[in-house]
Amino acid sequence: RFHGEGFQEGLAKGSHAGMAEGRRYGALQGARISSEIGCYLGFALTWHCLLRKCTDEKNSKKIRTLDSLIGRIQKFPYEDPTYDQLQEDLEKIRGKFKQVCSMLNTQFDFRIGTERSSLTF
């Protein structure tokens, strides 16, 4: 009897603790992804504004690639954590961002630490 009661009590407490830990972990991962994508969007919008003033063919291709990156970011499902292709879409955004950086001849290093996130060039 005591074994059964102890088991049920432990199961209830463990379930509650697991839910709280899962909620914290999910919020942390969501914040990391949002921070990363926000940096990419800011980067892309800034370069888009800078390149829009120049109208040569090289910049036209860069602007089209930036538009593609901005479009992918705007279509990203921020509000739906159950979205099946979240990781795939995130990888596509990262790949497009790397392509943009290569075209613009800039180096990037996006790091998320315990203190703050940063994007360096």
PDB file of N, CA and C in Angstrom:
ATOM      1  N   ARG A   1       0.831  -1.186   0.000  1.00  0.00           N
ATOM      2  CA  ARG A   1       0.000   0.000   0.000  1.00  0.00           C
ATOM      3  C   ARG A   1       0.883   1.260   0.000  1.00  0.00           C
ATOM      4  N   PHE A   2       1.901   1.322   0.908  1.00  0.00           N
ATOM      5  CA  PHE A   2       2.780   2.501   0.991  1.00  0.00           C
ATOM      6  C   PHE A   2       3.593   2.658  -0.293  1.00  0.00           C
ATOM      7  N   HIS A   3       4.002   1.525  -0.821  1.00  0.00           N
ATOM      8  CA  HIS A   3       4.755   1.560  -2.072  1.00  0.00           C
ATOM      9  C   HIS A   3       3.894   2.176  -3.181  1.00  0.00           C
ATOM     10  N   GLY A   4       2.660   1.771  -3.289  1.00  0.00           N
ATOM     11  CA  GLY A   4       1.748   2.284  -4.313  1.00  0.00           C
ATOM     12  C   GLY A   4       1.465   3.770  -4.128  1.00  0.00           C
ATOM     13  N   GLU A   5       1.231   4.182  -2.884  1.00  0.00           N
ATOM     14  CA  GLU A   5       0.964   5.596  -2.607  1.00  0.00           C
ATOM     15  C   GLU A   5       2.199   6.451  -2.909  1.00  0.00           C
ATOM     16  N   GLY A   6       3.356   5.955  -2.523  1.00  0.00           N
ATOM     17  CA  GLY A   6       4.601   6.674  -2.789  1.00  0.00           C
ATOM     18  C   GLY A   6       4.862   6.800  -4.276  1.00  0.00           C
ATOM     19  N   PHE A   7       4.572   5.732  -5.001  1.00  0.00           N
ATOM     20  CA  PHE A   7       4.751   5.752  -6.452  1.00  0.00           C
ATOM     21  C   PHE A   7       3.846   6.805  -7.086  1.00  0.00           C
ATOM     22  N   GLN A   8       2.575   6.814  -6.716  1.00  0.00           N
ATOM     23  CA  GLN A   8       1.623   7.775  -7.278  1.00  0.00           C
ATOM     24  C   GLN A   8       2.014   9.214  -6.941  1.00  0.00           C
ATOM     25  N   GLU A   9       2.460   9.446  -5.711  1.00  0.00           N
ATOM     26  CA  GLU A   9       2.876  10.788  -5.301  1.00  0.00           C
ATOM     27  C   GLU A   9       4.119  11.234  -6.077  1.00  0.00           C
ATOM     28  N   GLY A  10       5.076  10.327  -6.217  1.00  0.00           N
ATOM     29  CA  GLY A  10       6.290  10.635  -6.978  1.00  0.00           C
ATOM     30  C   GLY A  10       5.993  10.878  -8.441  1.00  0.00           C
ATOM     31  N   LEU A  11       5.076  10.110  -9.000  1.00  0.00           N
ATOM     32  CA  LEU A  11       4.690  10.278 -10.398  1.00  0.00           C
ATOM     33  C   LEU A  11       4.054  11.655 -10.622  1.00  0.00           C
ATOM     34  N   ALA A  12       3.202  12.062  -9.721  1.00  0.00           N
ATOM     35  CA  ALA A  12       2.540  13.370  -9.842  1.00  0.00           C
ATOM     36  C   ALA A  12       3.554  14.509  -9.725  1.00  0.00           C
ATOM     37  N   LYS A  13       4.448  14.428  -8.744  1.00  0.00           N
ATOM     38  CA  LYS A  13       5.453  15.482  -8.567  1.00  0.00           C
ATOM     39  C   LYS A  13       6.419  15.522  -9.745  1.00  0.00           C
ATOM     40  N   GLY A  14       6.842  14.367 -10.214  1.00  0.00           N
ATOM     41  CA  GLY A  14       7.757  14.300 -11.359  1.00  0.00           C
ATOM     42  C   GLY A  14       7.116  14.832 -12.628  1.00  0.00           C
ATOM     43  N   SER A  15       5.859  14.533 -12.825  1.00  0.00           N
ATOM     44  CA  SER A  15       5.152  15.031 -13.990  1.00  0.00           C
ATOM     45  C   SER A  15       5.057  16.553 -13.951  1.00  0.00           C
ATOM     46  N   HIS A  16       4.745  17.098 -12.786  1.00  0.00           N
ATOM     47  CA  HIS A  16       4.652  18.549 -12.633  1.00  0.00           C
ATOM     48  C   HIS A  16       6.017  19.207 -12.874  1.00  0.00           C
ATOM     49  N   ALA A  17       7.071  18.640 -12.305  1.00  0.00           N
ATOM     50  CA  ALA A  17       8.419  19.198 -12.481  1.00  0.00           C
ATOM     51  C   ALA A  17       8.855  19.096 -13.941  1.00  0.00           C
ATOM     52  N   GLY A  18       8.507  18.007 -14.602  1.00  0.00           N
ATOM     53  CA  GLY A  18       8.856  17.835 -16.006  1.00  0.00           C
ATOM     54  C   GLY A  18       8.165  18.841 -16.903  1.00  0.00           C
ATOM     55  N   MET A  19       6.911  19.137 -16.610  1.00  0.00           N
ATOM     56  CA  MET A  19       6.181  20.138 -17.391  1.00  0.00           C
ATOM     57  C   MET A  19       6.814  21.522 -17.228  1.00  0.00           C
ATOM     58  N   ALA A  20       7.175  21.868 -15.999  1.00  0.00           N
ATOM     59  CA  ALA A  20       7.786  23.176 -15.736  1.00  0.00           C
ATOM     60  C   ALA A  20       9.137  23.277 -16.447  1.00  0.00           C
ATOM     61  N   GLU A  21       9.925  22.218 -16.379  1.00  0.00           N
ATOM     62  CA  GLU A  21      11.235  22.227 -17.029  1.00  0.00           C
ATOM     63  C   GLU A  21      11.081  22.300 -18.545  1.00  0.00           C
ATOM     64  N   GLY A  22      10.127  21.558 -19.085  1.00  0.00           N
ATOM     65  CA  GLY A  22       9.871  21.588 -20.521  1.00  0.00           C
ATOM     66  C   GLY A  22       9.416  22.955 -20.994  1.00  0.00           C
ATOM     67  N   ARG A  23       8.598  23.602 -20.204  1.00  0.00           N
ATOM     68  CA  ARG A  23       8.123  24.950 -20.541  1.00  0.00           C
ATOM     69  C   ARG A  23       9.293  25.940 -20.578  1.00  0.00           C
ATOM     70  N   ARG A  24      10.170  25.863 -19.573  1.00  0.00           N
ATOM     71  CA  ARG A  24      11.343  26.755 -19.542  1.00  0.00           C
ATOM     72  C   ARG A  24      12.263  26.495 -20.734  1.00  0.00           C
ATOM     73  N   TYR A  25      12.505  25.220 -21.034  1.00  0.00           N
ATOM     74  CA  TYR A  25      13.375  24.863 -22.138  1.00  0.00           C
ATOM     75  C   TYR A  25      12.788  25.339 -23.468  1.00  0.00           C
ATOM     76  N   GLY A  26      11.486  25.157 -23.657  1.00  0.00           N
ATOM     77  CA  GLY A  26      10.826  25.601 -24.876  1.00  0.00           C
ATOM     78  C   GLY A  26      10.897  27.104 -25.045  1.00  0.00           C
ATOM     79  N   ALA A  27      10.701  27.834 -23.959  1.00  0.00           N
ATOM     80  CA  ALA A  27      10.780  29.300 -24.028  1.00  0.00           C
ATOM     81  C   ALA A  27      12.195  29.741 -24.374  1.00  0.00           C
ATOM     82  N   LEU A  28      13.196  29.085 -23.810  1.00  0.00           N
ATOM     83  CA  LEU A  28      14.586  29.428 -24.101  1.00  0.00           C
ATOM     84  C   LEU A  28      14.923  29.159 -25.569  1.00  0.00           C
ATOM     85  N   GLN A  29      14.524  28.003 -26.078  1.00  0.00           N
ATOM     86  CA  GLN A  29      14.819  27.671 -27.481  1.00  0.00           C
ATOM     87  C   GLN A  29      14.077  28.606 -28.429  1.00  0.00           C
ATOM     88  N   GLY A  30      12.835  28.940 -28.095  1.00  0.00           N
ATOM     89  CA  GLY A  30      12.081  29.882 -28.919  1.00  0.00           C
ATOM     90  C   GLY A  30      12.730  31.250 -28.952  1.00  0.00           C
ATOM     91  N   ALA A  31      13.237  31.690 -27.803  1.00  0.00           N
ATOM     92  CA  ALA A  31      13.913  32.990 -27.739  1.00  0.00           C
ATOM     93  C   ALA A  31      15.192  32.974 -28.566  1.00  0.00           C
ATOM     94  N   ARG A  32      15.904  31.877 -28.544  1.00  0.00           N
ATOM     95  CA  ARG A  32      17.139  31.775 -29.339  1.00  0.00           C
ATOM     96  C   ARG A  32      16.846  31.851 -30.832  1.00  0.00           C
ATOM     97  N   ILE A  33      15.842  31.110 -31.257  1.00  0.00           N
ATOM     98  CA  ILE A  33      15.487  31.110 -32.677  1.00  0.00           C
ATOM     99  C   ILE A  33      15.001  32.493 -33.097  1.00  0.00           C
ATOM    100  N   SER A  34      14.176  33.113 -32.271  1.00  0.00           N
ATOM    101  CA  SER A  34      13.674  34.457 -32.593  1.00  0.00           C
ATOM    102  C   SER A  34      14.799  35.473 -32.670  1.00  0.00           C
ATOM    103  N   SER A  35      15.746  35.384 -31.772  1.00  0.00           N
ATOM    104  CA  SER A  35      16.884  36.297 -31.780  1.00  0.00           C
ATOM    105  C   SER A  35      17.714  36.112 -33.046  1.00  0.00           C
ATOM    106  N   GLU A  36      17.952  34.881 -33.406  1.00  0.00           N
ATOM    107  CA  GLU A  36      18.733  34.586 -34.612  1.00  0.00           C
ATOM    108  C   GLU A  36      18.030  35.118 -35.861  1.00  0.00           C
ATOM    109  N   ILE A  37      16.754  34.823 -35.994  1.00  0.00           N
ATOM    110  CA  ILE A  37      16.017  35.251 -37.175  1.00  0.00           C
ATOM    111  C   ILE A  37      15.875  36.776 -37.194  1.00  0.00           C
ATOM    112  N   GLY A  38      15.706  37.388 -36.025  1.00  0.00           N
ATOM    113  CA  GLY A  38      15.634  38.840 -35.952  1.00  0.00           C
ATOM    114  C   GLY A  38      16.922  39.499 -36.434  1.00  0.00           C
ATOM    115  N   CYS A  39      18.054  38.928 -36.073  1.00  0.00           N
ATOM    116  CA  CYS A  39      19.343  39.449 -36.560  1.00  0.00           C
ATOM    117  C   CYS A  39      19.449  39.310 -38.067  1.00  0.00           C
ATOM    118  N   TYR A  40      19.008  38.169 -38.599  1.00  0.00           N
ATOM    119  CA  TYR A  40      19.051  37.967 -40.044  1.00  0.00           C
ATOM    120  C   TYR A  40      18.160  38.983 -40.756  1.00  0.00           C
ATOM    121  N   LEU A  41      16.978  39.218 -40.215  1.00  0.00           N
ATOM    122  CA  LEU A  41      16.060  40.159 -40.852  1.00  0.00           C
ATOM    123  C   LEU A  41      16.612  41.577 -40.807  1.00  0.00           C
ATOM    124  N   GLY A  42      17.151  41.988 -39.681  1.00  0.00           N
ATOM    125  CA  GLY A  42      17.750  43.319 -39.586  1.00  0.00           C
ATOM    126  C   GLY A  42      18.902  43.490 -40.563  1.00  0.00           C
ATOM    127  N   PHE A  43      19.739  42.480 -40.649  1.00  0.00           N
ATOM    128  CA  PHE A  43      20.864  42.482 -41.586  1.00  0.00           C
ATOM    129  C   PHE A  43      20.356  42.643 -43.020  1.00  0.00           C
ATOM    130  N   ALA A  44      19.369  41.826 -43.383  1.00  0.00           N
ATOM    131  CA  ALA A  44      18.856  41.828 -44.756  1.00  0.00           C
ATOM    132  C   ALA A  44      18.176  43.155 -45.096  1.00  0.00           C
ATOM    133  N   LEU A  45      17.387  43.682 -44.192  1.00  0.00           N
ATOM    134  CA  LEU A  45      16.706  44.953 -44.460  1.00  0.00           C
ATOM    135  C   LEU A  45      17.696  46.108 -44.591  1.00  0.00           C
ATOM    136  N   THR A  46      18.723  46.105 -43.768  1.00  0.00           N
ATOM    137  CA  THR A  46      19.740  47.156 -43.838  1.00  0.00           C
ATOM    138  C   THR A  46      20.466  47.115 -45.172  1.00  0.00           C
ATOM    139  N   TRP A  47      20.925  45.934 -45.571  1.00  0.00           N
ATOM    140  CA  TRP A  47      21.627  45.817 -46.848  1.00  0.00           C
ATOM    141  C   TRP A  47      20.695  46.121 -48.016  1.00  0.00           C
ATOM    142  N   HIS A  48      19.443  45.744 -47.902  1.00  0.00           N
ATOM    143  CA  HIS A  48      18.483  46.027 -48.964  1.00  0.00           C
ATOM    144  C   HIS A  48      18.361  47.538 -49.171  1.00  0.00           C
ATOM    145  N   CYS A  49      18.272  48.274 -48.085  1.00  0.00           N
ATOM    146  CA  CYS A  49      18.195  49.742 -48.181  1.00  0.00           C
ATOM    147  C   CYS A  49      19.467  50.332 -48.767  1.00  0.00           C
ATOM    148  N   LEU A  50      20.614  49.796 -48.365  1.00  0.00           N
ATOM    149  CA  LEU A  50      21.892  50.313 -48.876  1.00  0.00           C
ATOM    150  C   LEU A  50      22.067  50.039 -50.366  1.00  0.00           C
ATOM    151  N   LEU A  51      21.661  48.865 -50.815  1.00  0.00           N
ATOM    152  CA  LEU A  51      21.874  48.482 -52.212  1.00  0.00           C
ATOM    153  C   LEU A  51      20.804  49.037 -53.142  1.00  0.00           C
ATOM    154  N   ARG A  52      19.686  49.424 -52.617  1.00  0.00           N
ATOM    155  CA  ARG A  52      18.593  49.918 -53.447  1.00  0.00           C
ATOM    156  C   ARG A  52      18.986  51.196 -54.185  1.00  0.00           C
ATOM    157  N   LYS A  53      19.921  51.942 -53.626  1.00  0.00           N
ATOM    158  CA  LYS A  53      20.356  53.201 -54.238  1.00  0.00           C
ATOM    159  C   LYS A  53      21.204  52.974 -55.486  1.00  0.00           C
ATOM    160  N   CYS A  54      21.875  51.819 -55.567  1.00  0.00           N
ATOM    161  CA  CYS A  54      22.709  51.489 -56.726  1.00  0.00           C
ATOM    162  C   CYS A  54      21.900  50.584 -57.655  1.00  0.00           C
ATOM    163  N   THR A  55      21.947  50.849 -58.942  1.00  0.00           N
ATOM    164  CA  THR A  55      21.081  50.104 -59.863  1.00  0.00           C
ATOM    165  C   THR A  55      21.843  49.282 -60.897  1.00  0.00           C
ATOM    166  N   ASP A  56      23.086  48.910 -60.635  1.00  0.00           N
ATOM    167  CA  ASP A  56      23.806  48.101 -61.616  1.00  0.00           C
ATOM    168  C   ASP A  56      23.385  46.632 -61.507  1.00  0.00           C
ATOM    169  N   GLU A  57      23.822  45.805 -62.448  1.00  0.00           N
ATOM    170  CA  GLU A  57      23.392  44.403 -62.534  1.00  0.00           C
ATOM    171  C   GLU A  57      23.841  43.577 -61.332  1.00  0.00           C
ATOM    172  N   LYS A  58      25.066  43.827 -60.841  1.00  0.00           N
ATOM    173  CA  LYS A  58      25.561  43.091 -59.673  1.00  0.00           C
ATOM    174  C   LYS A  58      24.650  43.312 -58.467  1.00  0.00           C
ATOM    175  N   ASN A  59      24.317  44.559 -58.220  1.00  0.00           N
ATOM    176  CA  ASN A  59      23.465  44.872 -57.080  1.00  0.00           C
ATOM    177  C   ASN A  59      22.043  44.374 -57.280  1.00  0.00           C
ATOM    178  N   SER A  60      21.603  44.293 -58.510  1.00  0.00           N
ATOM    179  CA  SER A  60      20.265  43.776 -58.795  1.00  0.00           C
ATOM    180  C   SER A  60      20.143  42.320 -58.347  1.00  0.00           C
ATOM    181  N   LYS A  61      21.167  41.529 -58.613  1.00  0.00           N
ATOM    182  CA  LYS A  61      21.156  40.123 -58.192  1.00  0.00           C
ATOM    183  C   LYS A  61      21.215  40.016 -56.669  1.00  0.00           C
ATOM    184  N   LYS A  62      22.002  40.862 -56.044  1.00  0.00           N
ATOM    185  CA  LYS A  62      22.092  40.869 -54.581  1.00  0.00           C
ATOM    186  C   LYS A  62      20.753  41.243 -53.963  1.00  0.00           C
ATOM    187  N   ILE A  63      20.093  42.228 -54.559  1.00  0.00           N
ATOM    188  CA  ILE A  63      18.792  42.652 -54.046  1.00  0.00           C
ATOM    189  C   ILE A  63      17.763  41.533 -54.185  1.00  0.00           C
ATOM    190  N   ARG A  64      17.780  40.812 -55.303  1.00  0.00           N
ATOM    191  CA  ARG A  64      16.849  39.688 -55.478  1.00  0.00           C
ATOM    192  C   ARG A  64      17.089  38.606 -54.432  1.00  0.00           C
ATOM    193  N   THR A  65      18.346  38.329 -54.138  1.00  0.00           N
ATOM    194  CA  THR A  65      18.668  37.332 -53.119  1.00  0.00           C
ATOM    195  C   THR A  65      18.250  37.820 -51.733  1.00  0.00           C
ATOM    196  N   LEU A  66      18.461  39.096 -51.455  1.00  0.00           N
ATOM    197  CA  LEU A  66      17.999  39.667 -50.187  1.00  0.00           C
ATOM    198  C   LEU A  66      16.476  39.603 -50.081  1.00  0.00           C
ATOM    199  N   ASP A  67      15.787  39.878 -51.189  1.00  0.00           N
ATOM    200  CA  ASP A  67      14.328  39.775 -51.197  1.00  0.00           C
ATOM    201  C   ASP A  67      13.873  38.355 -50.895  1.00  0.00           C
ATOM    202  N   SER A  68      14.597  37.389 -51.431  1.00  0.00           N
ATOM    203  CA  SER A  68      14.273  35.988 -51.169  1.00  0.00           C
ATOM    204  C   SER A  68      14.443  35.653 -49.684  1.00  0.00           C
ATOM    205  N   LEU A  69      15.538  36.125 -49.097  1.00  0.00           N
ATOM    206  CA  LEU A  69      15.772  35.900 -47.666  1.00  0.00           C
ATOM    207  C   LEU A  69      14.690  36.569 -46.827  1.00  0.00           C
ATOM    208  N   ILE A  70      14.377  37.807 -47.143  1.00  0.00           N
ATOM    209  CA  ILE A  70      13.344  38.533 -46.397  1.00  0.00           C
ATOM    210  C   ILE A  70      11.996  37.822 -46.530  1.00  0.00           C
ATOM    211  N   GLY A  71      11.690  37.341 -47.714  1.00  0.00           N
ATOM    212  CA  GLY A  71      10.441  36.599 -47.927  1.00  0.00           C
ATOM    213  C   GLY A  71      10.368  35.333 -47.099  1.00  0.00           C
ATOM    214  N   ARG A  72      11.462  34.587 -47.056  1.00  0.00           N
ATOM    215  CA  ARG A  72      11.491  33.359 -46.232  1.00  0.00           C
ATOM    216  C   ARG A  72      11.292  33.679 -44.752  1.00  0.00           C
ATOM    217  N   ILE A  73      11.933  34.737 -44.310  1.00  0.00           N
ATOM    218  CA  ILE A  73      11.811  35.112 -42.896  1.00  0.00           C
ATOM    219  C   ILE A  73      10.380  35.546 -42.589  1.00  0.00           C
ATOM    220  N   GLN A  74       9.769  36.298 -43.481  1.00  0.00           N
ATOM    221  CA  GLN A  74       8.409  36.762 -43.243  1.00  0.00           C
ATOM    222  C   GLN A  74       7.394  35.628 -43.272  1.00  0.00           C
ATOM    223  N   LYS A  75       7.685  34.553 -43.995  1.00  0.00           N
ATOM    224  CA  LYS A  75       6.783  33.399 -44.046  1.00  0.00           C
ATOM    225  C   LYS A  75       7.009  32.424 -42.894  1.00  0.00           C
ATOM    226  N   PHE A  76       8.062  32.626 -42.123  1.00  0.00           N
ATOM    227  CA  PHE A  76       8.396  31.703 -41.033  1.00  0.00           C
ATOM    228  C   PHE A  76       7.278  31.718 -39.990  1.00  0.00           C
ATOM    229  N   PRO A  77       6.804  30.543 -39.555  1.00  0.00           N
ATOM    230  CA  PRO A  77       5.665  30.468 -38.624  1.00  0.00           C
ATOM    231  C   PRO A  77       6.074  30.682 -37.163  1.00  0.00           C
ATOM    232  N   TYR A  78       6.170  31.929 -36.748  1.00  0.00           N
ATOM    233  CA  TYR A  78       6.598  32.244 -35.384  1.00  0.00           C
ATOM    234  C   TYR A  78       5.606  31.759 -34.331  1.00  0.00           C
ATOM    235  N   GLU A  79       4.328  31.827 -34.626  1.00  0.00           N
ATOM    236  CA  GLU A  79       3.304  31.540 -33.631  1.00  0.00           C
ATOM    237  C   GLU A  79       2.941  30.069 -33.518  1.00  0.00           C
ATOM    238  N   ASP A  80       3.446  29.220 -34.398  1.00  0.00           N
ATOM    239  CA  ASP A  80       3.043  27.811 -34.416  1.00  0.00           C
ATOM    240  C   ASP A  80       4.200  26.899 -34.022  1.00  0.00           C
ATOM    241  N   PRO A  81       4.326  26.561 -32.736  1.00  0.00           N
ATOM    242  CA  PRO A  81       5.423  25.691 -32.297  1.00  0.00           C
ATOM    243  C   PRO A  81       5.247  24.239 -32.745  1.00  0.00           C
ATOM    244  N   THR A  82       4.062  23.886 -33.233  1.00  0.00           N
ATOM    245  CA  THR A  82       3.827  22.508 -33.678  1.00  0.00           C
ATOM    246  C   THR A  82       4.027  22.357 -35.175  1.00  0.00           C
ATOM    247  N   TYR A  83       4.516  23.395 -35.839  1.00  0.00           N
ATOM    248  CA  TYR A  83       4.755  23.361 -37.278  1.00  0.00           C
ATOM    249  C   TYR A  83       5.759  22.259 -37.598  1.00  0.00           C
ATOM    250  N   ASP A  84       5.363  21.347 -38.475  1.00  0.00           N
ATOM    251  CA  ASP A  84       6.171  20.155 -38.759  1.00  0.00           C
ATOM    252  C   ASP A  84       7.519  20.462 -39.403  1.00  0.00           C
ATOM    253  N   GLN A  85       7.578  21.473 -40.238  1.00  0.00           N
ATOM    254  CA  GLN A  85       8.801  21.748 -40.986  1.00  0.00           C
ATOM    255  C   GLN A  85       9.576  22.922 -40.416  1.00  0.00           C
ATOM    256  N   LEU A  86       9.441  23.175 -39.135  1.00  0.00           N
ATOM    257  CA  LEU A  86      10.106  24.302 -38.501  1.00  0.00           C
ATOM    258  C   LEU A  86      11.621  24.228 -38.675  1.00  0.00           C
ATOM    259  N   GLN A  87      12.201  23.093 -38.378  1.00  0.00           N
ATOM    260  CA  GLN A  87      13.657  22.951 -38.489  1.00  0.00           C
ATOM    261  C   GLN A  87      14.131  23.052 -39.934  1.00  0.00           C
ATOM    262  N   GLU A  88      13.370  22.457 -40.865  1.00  0.00           N
ATOM    263  CA  GLU A  88      13.755  22.525 -42.274  1.00  0.00           C
ATOM    264  C   GLU A  88      13.726  23.962 -42.778  1.00  0.00           C
ATOM    265  N   ASP A  89      12.672  24.693 -42.429  1.00  0.00           N
ATOM    266  CA  ASP A  89      12.579  26.090 -42.857  1.00  0.00           C
ATOM    267  C   ASP A  89      13.665  26.940 -42.219  1.00  0.00           C
ATOM    268  N   LEU A  90      13.980  26.661 -40.967  1.00  0.00           N
ATOM    269  CA  LEU A  90      15.052  27.395 -40.295  1.00  0.00           C
ATOM    270  C   LEU A  90      16.395  27.143 -40.984  1.00  0.00           C
ATOM    271  N   GLU A  91      16.646  25.918 -41.379  1.00  0.00           N
ATOM    272  CA  GLU A  91      17.887  25.602 -42.104  1.00  0.00           C
ATOM    273  C   GLU A  91      17.929  26.285 -43.470  1.00  0.00           C
ATOM    274  N   LYS A  92      16.784  26.400 -44.140  1.00  0.00           N
ATOM    275  CA  LYS A  92      16.736  27.101 -45.427  1.00  0.00           C
ATOM    276  C   LYS A  92      17.048  28.584 -45.239  1.00  0.00           C
ATOM    277  N   ILE A  93      16.527  29.164 -44.160  1.00  0.00           N
ATOM    278  CA  ILE A  93      16.813  30.577 -43.875  1.00  0.00           C
ATOM    279  C   ILE A  93      18.300  30.760 -43.590  1.00  0.00           C
ATOM    280  N   ARG A  94      18.868  29.855 -42.802  1.00  0.00           N
ATOM    281  CA  ARG A  94      20.302  29.943 -42.504  1.00  0.00           C
ATOM    282  C   ARG A  94      21.137  29.815 -43.777  1.00  0.00           C
ATOM    283  N   GLY A  95      20.745  28.897 -44.643  1.00  0.00           N
ATOM    284  CA  GLY A  95      21.465  28.714 -45.904  1.00  0.00           C
ATOM    285  C   GLY A  95      21.377  29.939 -46.800  1.00  0.00           C
ATOM    286  N   LYS A  96      20.186  30.525 -46.889  1.00  0.00           N
ATOM    287  CA  LYS A  96      20.010  31.729 -47.695  1.00  0.00           C
ATOM    288  C   LYS A  96      20.808  32.893 -47.109  1.00  0.00           C
ATOM    289  N   PHE A  97      20.856  32.968 -45.772  1.00  0.00           N
ATOM    290  CA  PHE A  97      21.642  34.019 -45.129  1.00  0.00           C
ATOM    291  C   PHE A  97      23.125  33.852 -45.447  1.00  0.00           C
ATOM    292  N   LYS A  98      23.618  32.636 -45.428  1.00  0.00           N
ATOM    293  CA  LYS A  98      25.023  32.390 -45.781  1.00  0.00           C
ATOM    294  C   LYS A  98      25.292  32.779 -47.235  1.00  0.00           C
ATOM    295  N   GLN A  99      24.330  32.486 -48.110  1.00  0.00           N
ATOM    296  CA  GLN A  99      24.476  32.859 -49.510  1.00  0.00           C
ATOM    297  C   GLN A  99      24.551  34.377 -49.662  1.00  0.00           C
ATOM    298  N   VAL A 100      23.685  35.081 -48.953  1.00  0.00           N
ATOM    299  CA  VAL A 100      23.689  36.551 -49.002  1.00  0.00           C
ATOM    300  C   VAL A 100      25.021  37.093 -48.502  1.00  0.00           C
ATOM    301  N   CYS A 101      25.513  36.565 -47.397  1.00  0.00           N
ATOM    302  CA  CYS A 101      26.789  37.029 -46.859  1.00  0.00           C
ATOM    303  C   CYS A 101      27.924  36.777 -47.839  1.00  0.00           C
ATOM    304  N   SER A 102      27.873  35.661 -48.519  1.00  0.00           N
ATOM    305  CA  SER A 102      28.893  35.353 -49.518  1.00  0.00           C
ATOM    306  C   SER A 102      28.823  36.345 -50.681  1.00  0.00           C
ATOM    307  N   MET A 103      27.628  36.654 -51.128  1.00  0.00           N
ATOM    308  CA  MET A 103      27.462  37.599 -52.232  1.00  0.00           C
ATOM    309  C   MET A 103      27.918  39.002 -51.839  1.00  0.00           C
ATOM    310  N   LEU A 104      27.693  39.365 -50.584  1.00  0.00           N
ATOM    311  CA  LEU A 104      28.069  40.691 -50.107  1.00  0.00           C
ATOM    312  C   LEU A 104      29.516  40.750 -49.632  1.00  0.00           C
ATOM    313  N   ASN A 105      30.183  39.594 -49.654  1.00  0.00           N
ATOM    314  CA  ASN A 105      31.570  39.481 -49.221  1.00  0.00           C
ATOM    315  C   ASN A 105      31.741  39.937 -47.770  1.00  0.00           C
ATOM    316  N   THR A 106      30.834  39.468 -46.914  1.00  0.00           N
ATOM    317  CA  THR A 106      30.919  39.744 -45.478  1.00  0.00           C
ATOM    318  C   THR A 106      31.025  38.428 -44.740  1.00  0.00           C
ATOM    319  N   GLN A 107      31.704  38.455 -43.630  1.00  0.00           N
ATOM    320  CA  GLN A 107      31.791  37.273 -42.778  1.00  0.00           C
ATOM    321  C   GLN A 107      30.816  37.456 -41.631  1.00  0.00           C
ATOM    322  N   PHE A 108      30.236  36.351 -41.200  1.00  0.00           N
ATOM    323  CA  PHE A 108      29.289  36.440 -40.102  1.00  0.00           C
ATOM    324  C   PHE A 108      29.616  35.393 -39.059  1.00  0.00           C
ATOM    325  N   ASP A 109      29.231  35.700 -37.853  1.00  0.00           N
ATOM    326  CA  ASP A 109      29.406  34.759 -36.742  1.00  0.00           C
ATOM    327  C   ASP A 109      28.291  35.044 -35.741  1.00  0.00           C
ATOM    328  N   PHE A 110      27.229  34.270 -35.828  1.00  0.00           N
ATOM    329  CA  PHE A 110      26.104  34.467 -34.919  1.00  0.00           C
ATOM    330  C   PHE A 110      26.281  33.543 -33.731  1.00  0.00           C
ATOM    331  N   ARG A 111      26.370  34.123 -32.538  1.00  0.00           N
ATOM    332  CA  ARG A 111      26.543  33.336 -31.312  1.00  0.00           C
ATOM    333  C   ARG A 111      25.479  33.719 -30.310  1.00  0.00           C
ATOM    334  N   ILE A 112      24.951  32.711 -29.662  1.00  0.00           N
ATOM    335  CA  ILE A 112      24.028  32.959 -28.558  1.00  0.00           C
ATOM    336  C   ILE A 112      24.696  32.437 -27.306  1.00  0.00           C
ATOM    337  N   GLY A 113      24.977  33.339 -26.393  1.00  0.00           N
ATOM    338  CA  GLY A 113      25.591  32.957 -25.125  1.00  0.00           C
ATOM    339  C   GLY A 113      24.564  33.050 -24.007  1.00  0.00           C
ATOM    340  N   THR A 114      25.031  32.787 -22.825  1.00  0.00           N
ATOM    341  CA  THR A 114      24.136  32.887 -21.681  1.00  0.00           C
ATOM    342  C   THR A 114      23.829  34.333 -21.338  1.00  0.00           C
ATOM    343  N   GLU A 115      24.715  35.243 -21.723  1.00  0.00           N
ATOM    344  CA  GLU A 115      24.517  36.647 -21.379  1.00  0.00           C
ATOM    345  C   GLU A 115      23.727  37.387 -22.454  1.00  0.00           C
ATOM    346  N   ARG A 116      24.124  37.229 -23.725  1.00  0.00           N
ATOM    347  CA  ARG A 116      23.456  37.977 -24.794  1.00  0.00           C
ATOM    348  C   ARG A 116      23.772  37.320 -26.128  1.00  0.00           C
ATOM    349  N   SER A 117      23.025  37.704 -27.132  1.00  0.00           N
ATOM    350  CA  SER A 117      23.314  37.208 -28.476  1.00  0.00           C
ATOM    351  C   SER A 117      24.094  38.279 -29.217  1.00  0.00           C
ATOM    352  N   SER A 118      24.855  37.860 -30.209  1.00  0.00           N
ATOM    353  CA  SER A 118      25.611  38.838 -30.966  1.00  0.00           C
ATOM    354  C   SER A 118      25.813  38.347 -32.385  1.00  0.00           C
ATOM    355  N   LEU A 119      25.940  39.288 -33.269  1.00  0.00           N
ATOM    356  CA  LEU A 119      26.222  39.015 -34.669  1.00  0.00           C
ATOM    357  C   LEU A 119      27.408  39.901 -35.013  1.00  0.00           C
ATOM    358  N   THR A 120      28.518  39.296 -35.398  1.00  0.00           N
ATOM    359  CA  THR A 120      29.711  40.083 -35.680  1.00  0.00           C
ATOM    360  C   THR A 120      30.081  39.942 -37.144  1.00  0.00           C
ATOM    361  N   PHE A 121      30.757  40.947 -37.649  1.00  0.00           N
ATOM    362  CA  PHE A 121      31.183  40.951 -39.057  1.00  0.00           C
ATOM    363  C   PHE A 121      32.663  41.181 -39.128  1.00  0.00           C
TER     364      PHE A 121
END
